[in-house]
Amino acid sequence: MRSKLLSQLLAELDVTKSFSRPHTSNDNPFSESHFKTLKYHPGFPRKLQNLADGLAHCRPFFRWYNEEHHHSGIELLTPNDVHMGRADAVLKRRHDVVMAAYHAHPERFVHGPPRLRQLAPVVAINPPAQPASTTEADTTLLPAKPDSSTTMTMEVDLRRAFSTQDSVQ
């Protein structure tokens, strides 16, 4: 009976079900990182009374996380910059600014001229070991730019927020 209620909640929130392994905390490091950022954010409430409280907190948090928060794993870009295809332009603008500073004061750059930063071409979750005979087409890798269904699965699991409220108090 309880799992049916959870299914209804997920459908209501337009959250795609995950097929990750149960009781495996590192199965999806992207969603785990997202949840940790949510839980340890200074604005995270000490207690969530109900689903409405959770939604009231999480909706603005998701906007901040996707549009304003700069992620170290993606060259200090926002997820929206990456997903909307603006990453290369943003990285090029940053590089132009740093190069102008380099030309004005090269003595400050002890390691030489700055290099243009680039996103990793492929992001893998638990990449399989590749024997010498395995071709690139045989591997299970995710593109660096996830589609909208991947973005939906990165939404926080409100059940976890409610189950941890006692430990946060």
Protein backbone atom coordinates (compact mmCIF):
# COMPACT_ATOMS: atom_id res chain seq x y z
CA MET A 1 0.00 0.00 0.00
CA ARG A 2 2.77 2.45 0.89
CA SER A 3 4.62 1.99 -2.41
CA LYS A 4 1.45 2.85 -4.28
CA LEU A 5 1.26 6.14 -2.39
CA LEU A 6 4.89 6.85 -3.27
CA SER A 7 4.20 6.11 -6.93
CA GLN A 8 1.31 8.55 -6.87
CA LEU A 9 3.49 11.22 -5.25
CA LEU A 10 6.23 10.76 -7.83
CA ALA A 11 3.70 10.96 -10.67
CA GLU A 12 2.17 14.10 -9.15
CA LEU A 13 5.59 15.75 -8.90
CA ASP A 14 6.58 14.64 -12.43
CA VAL A 15 9.60 12.80 -11.04
CA THR A 16 10.81 9.89 -13.16
CA LYS A 17 11.27 6.70 -11.17
CA SER A 18 14.85 5.60 -10.71
CA PHE A 19 15.88 2.00 -11.23
CA SER A 20 18.93 2.28 -9.03
CA ARG A 21 19.84 -0.52 -6.68
CA PRO A 22 18.20 -0.34 -3.25
CA HIS A 23 20.42 0.44 -0.24
CA THR A 24 23.32 1.49 -2.47
CA SER A 25 24.19 5.04 -1.48
CA ASN A 26 26.70 5.61 -4.28
CA ASP A 27 24.61 4.24 -7.13
CA ASN A 28 24.00 7.68 -8.62
CA PRO A 29 26.70 10.11 -7.50
CA PHE A 30 25.02 13.01 -9.30
CA SER A 31 21.78 12.76 -7.32
CA GLU A 32 23.72 12.01 -4.12
CA SER A 33 25.75 15.18 -4.61
CA HIS A 34 22.58 17.14 -5.32
CA PHE A 35 20.94 15.84 -2.13
CA LYS A 36 24.00 16.70 -0.03
CA THR A 37 24.02 20.24 -1.45
CA LEU A 38 20.33 20.55 -0.54
CA LYS A 39 20.69 19.13 2.96
CA TYR A 40 23.76 21.17 3.94
CA HIS A 41 22.67 24.44 2.32
CA PRO A 42 22.40 27.19 4.97
CA GLY A 43 18.74 27.77 4.07
CA PHE A 44 17.69 24.15 4.63
CA PRO A 45 14.92 24.18 7.28
CA ARG A 46 15.48 22.41 10.57
CA LYS A 47 12.16 20.66 10.17
CA LEU A 48 9.72 20.09 7.33
CA GLN A 49 6.18 19.73 8.64
CA ASN A 50 4.56 18.41 5.47
CA LEU A 51 4.85 18.08 1.71
CA ALA A 52 3.82 21.72 1.18
CA ASP A 53 6.75 22.86 3.36
CA GLY A 54 9.10 20.63 1.37
CA LEU A 55 7.85 22.00 -1.94
CA ALA A 56 7.99 25.58 -0.67
CA HIS A 57 11.65 25.09 0.20
CA CYS A 58 12.71 22.92 -2.75
CA ARG A 59 11.20 24.83 -5.66
CA PRO A 60 13.30 27.98 -5.10
CA PHE A 61 16.28 25.78 -4.19
CA PHE A 62 16.07 23.94 -7.54
CA ARG A 63 16.02 27.26 -9.40
CA TRP A 64 19.10 28.45 -7.45
CA TYR A 65 20.89 25.11 -7.91
CA ASN A 66 20.31 25.03 -11.67
CA GLU A 67 20.61 28.72 -12.55
CA GLU A 68 22.98 30.33 -10.02
CA HIS A 69 25.07 27.69 -8.25
CA HIS A 70 28.46 27.16 -9.93
CA HIS A 71 29.51 23.50 -9.83
CA SER A 72 33.16 22.54 -9.48
CA GLY A 73 32.63 19.30 -11.43
CA ILE A 74 31.56 21.21 -14.54
CA GLU A 75 34.25 23.90 -14.62
CA LEU A 76 32.34 26.23 -12.26
CA LEU A 77 29.43 26.54 -14.67
CA THR A 78 25.77 26.32 -13.79
CA PRO A 79 23.82 23.25 -14.93
CA ASN A 80 21.68 25.53 -17.12
CA ASP A 81 24.79 26.83 -18.90
CA VAL A 82 25.73 23.26 -19.75
CA HIS A 83 22.25 21.99 -20.61
CA MET A 84 21.39 24.98 -22.77
CA GLY A 85 24.64 24.80 -24.73
CA ARG A 86 26.14 28.03 -23.35
CA ALA A 87 29.14 26.35 -21.72
CA ASP A 88 31.64 26.97 -24.53
CA ALA A 89 30.68 30.65 -24.82
CA VAL A 90 30.92 31.20 -21.05
CA LEU A 91 34.29 29.43 -20.86
CA LYS A 92 35.57 31.48 -23.84
CA ARG A 93 34.48 34.77 -22.19
CA ARG A 94 36.22 33.77 -18.95
CA HIS A 95 39.34 32.85 -20.86
CA ASP A 96 39.35 36.22 -22.66
CA VAL A 97 39.16 38.04 -19.28
CA VAL A 98 41.99 35.96 -17.80
CA MET A 99 44.11 36.45 -20.94
CA ALA A 100 43.62 40.23 -20.70
CA ALA A 101 44.85 40.03 -17.10
CA TYR A 102 47.77 37.88 -18.25
CA HIS A 103 48.79 40.40 -20.91
CA ALA A 104 48.52 43.27 -18.41
CA HIS A 105 50.52 41.47 -15.67
CA PRO A 106 52.29 38.34 -16.93
CA GLU A 107 54.46 38.24 -13.80
CA ARG A 108 51.40 37.21 -11.78
CA PHE A 109 51.00 34.00 -13.82
CA VAL A 110 53.91 31.89 -12.59
CA HIS A 111 52.75 28.80 -14.52
CA GLY A 112 52.62 30.57 -17.86
CA PRO A 113 49.63 31.74 -19.88
CA PRO A 114 46.23 30.43 -18.79
CA ARG A 115 44.68 27.59 -20.79
CA LEU A 116 41.13 27.55 -22.12
CA ARG A 117 39.03 25.32 -19.84
CA GLN A 118 36.80 22.70 -21.44
CA LEU A 119 34.11 20.35 -20.22
CA ALA A 120 34.82 16.65 -20.09
CA PRO A 121 33.55 15.04 -23.30
CA VAL A 122 31.92 12.13 -21.45
CA VAL A 123 30.58 11.68 -17.94
CA ALA A 124 30.26 8.10 -16.68
CA ILE A 125 28.43 6.63 -13.73
CA ASN A 126 30.26 3.50 -12.60
CA PRO A 127 31.98 2.99 -15.98
CA PRO A 128 32.55 -0.65 -16.83
CA ALA A 129 36.08 -1.99 -16.94
CA GLN A 130 37.18 -1.95 -20.55
CA PRO A 131 39.08 -5.02 -21.71
CA ALA A 132 41.50 -4.42 -24.58
CA SER A 133 39.03 -5.89 -27.09
CA THR A 134 36.10 -3.69 -26.03
CA THR A 135 35.23 -0.90 -28.43
CA GLU A 136 33.92 2.48 -27.40
CA ALA A 137 30.47 1.56 -28.77
CA ASP A 138 30.24 -1.32 -26.25
CA THR A 139 30.57 0.92 -23.18
CA THR A 140 27.69 2.38 -21.20
CA LEU A 141 28.50 6.08 -20.90
CA LEU A 142 26.33 9.10 -20.48
CA PRO A 143 26.77 12.19 -22.64
CA ALA A 144 28.15 15.27 -20.90
CA LYS A 145 24.87 17.02 -21.75
CA PRO A 146 22.02 14.95 -20.26
CA ASP A 147 18.57 15.00 -21.80
CA SER A 148 15.48 16.28 -19.98
CA SER A 149 14.63 12.86 -18.51
CA THR A 150 18.05 12.74 -16.83
CA THR A 151 17.47 16.23 -15.45
CA MET A 152 14.15 15.14 -13.96
CA THR A 153 15.75 12.22 -12.10
CA MET A 154 18.15 14.68 -10.44
CA GLU A 155 15.30 16.26 -8.49
CA VAL A 156 15.52 15.72 -4.78
CA ASP A 157 13.68 12.80 -3.22
CA LEU A 158 11.39 14.51 -0.71
CA ARG A 159 10.98 11.27 1.20
CA ARG A 160 14.66 11.48 2.14
CA ALA A 161 14.25 15.06 3.30
CA PHE A 162 11.35 14.04 5.55
CA SER A 163 13.15 10.94 6.85
CA THR A 164 16.20 13.01 7.85
CA GLN A 165 14.30 15.81 9.56
CA ASP A 166 14.71 14.17 12.98
CA SER A 167 18.49 14.04 12.64
CA VAL A 168 18.61 17.72 11.58
CA GLN A 169 16.71 19.02 14.63
